[in-house]
Protein backbone atom coordinates (compact mmCIF):
# COMPACT_ATOMS: atom_id res chain seq x y z
CA MET A 1 -12.24 -8.19 2.56
CA LYS A 2 -13.58 -6.57 -0.62
CA THR A 3 -15.71 -4.14 1.38
CA ARG A 4 -12.75 -3.14 3.52
CA ILE A 5 -10.57 -2.51 0.47
CA PHE A 6 -13.22 -0.42 -1.29
CA THR A 7 -14.41 1.54 1.75
CA ASN A 8 -10.82 2.41 2.73
CA TRP A 9 -9.76 3.23 -0.80
CA ARG A 10 -7.01 5.71 0.07
CA THR A 11 -4.74 3.26 1.88
CA SER A 12 -5.64 0.52 -0.59
CA LEU A 13 -4.62 2.77 -3.46
CA LEU A 14 -1.35 3.58 -1.68
CA GLY A 15 -0.69 -0.14 -1.14
CA VAL A 16 -1.36 -0.97 -4.79
CA ALA A 17 0.88 1.90 -5.88
CA PHE A 18 3.70 0.63 -3.66
CA LEU A 19 3.19 -2.87 -5.04
CA LEU A 20 3.41 -1.72 -8.65
CA ILE A 21 6.44 0.48 -7.99
CA SER A 22 8.29 -2.27 -6.15
CA LEU A 23 7.48 -4.80 -8.89
CA LEU A 24 8.79 -2.34 -11.46
CA LEU A 25 12.00 -1.95 -9.47
CA VAL A 26 12.41 -5.74 -9.34
CA VAL A 27 11.88 -6.08 -13.09
CA GLN A 28 14.44 -3.35 -13.75
CA LYS A 29 16.81 -5.14 -11.33
CA ILE A 30 17.22 -2.09 -9.12
CA ILE A 31 16.18 -4.11 -6.07
CA ALA A 32 16.40 -7.85 -5.47
CA TRP A 33 13.57 -10.26 -4.72
CA GLY A 34 14.68 -10.42 -1.09
CA GLU A 35 14.19 -6.70 -0.67
CA PHE A 36 10.81 -6.96 -2.36
CA MET A 37 9.77 -9.73 0.02
CA ALA A 38 10.88 -7.60 2.97
CA PHE A 39 8.63 -4.75 1.78
CA LEU A 40 5.64 -7.02 1.04
CA PRO A 41 4.20 -7.07 4.62
CA THR A 42 4.01 -3.27 4.52
CA ILE A 43 2.10 -3.42 1.25
CA PHE A 44 -0.37 -6.00 2.55
CA GLY A 45 -0.70 -4.02 5.78
CA LEU A 46 -1.78 -0.98 3.80
CA LEU A 47 -4.49 -3.04 2.13
CA TYR A 48 -6.01 -3.96 5.52
CA VAL A 49 -5.59 -0.75 7.52
CA LYS A 50 -8.36 1.81 7.87
CA ASP A 51 -8.12 5.33 6.44
CA THR A 52 -7.72 6.98 9.84
CA ILE A 53 -4.37 8.52 8.93
CA PHE A 54 -5.88 10.33 5.92
CA LYS A 55 -8.91 11.89 7.61
CA VAL A 56 -8.80 15.66 7.87
CA ASN A 57 -10.38 17.29 10.88
CA PRO A 58 -12.62 20.20 9.88
CA LYS A 59 -11.68 23.58 11.28
CA GLU A 60 -13.80 24.68 14.19
């Protein structure tokens, strides 16, 4: 799992950013814990997905 997180660092960084932002929103009581728990599968999904959506095709 560590190798997948570090080799696909772009989506992992996005997942960690979403996690920190959503935790900040919970602490500030902007969103409830239920909404945070509903968003949590998306965050964990970003930690496991490959960086295929961020690859740029070179111009031919």
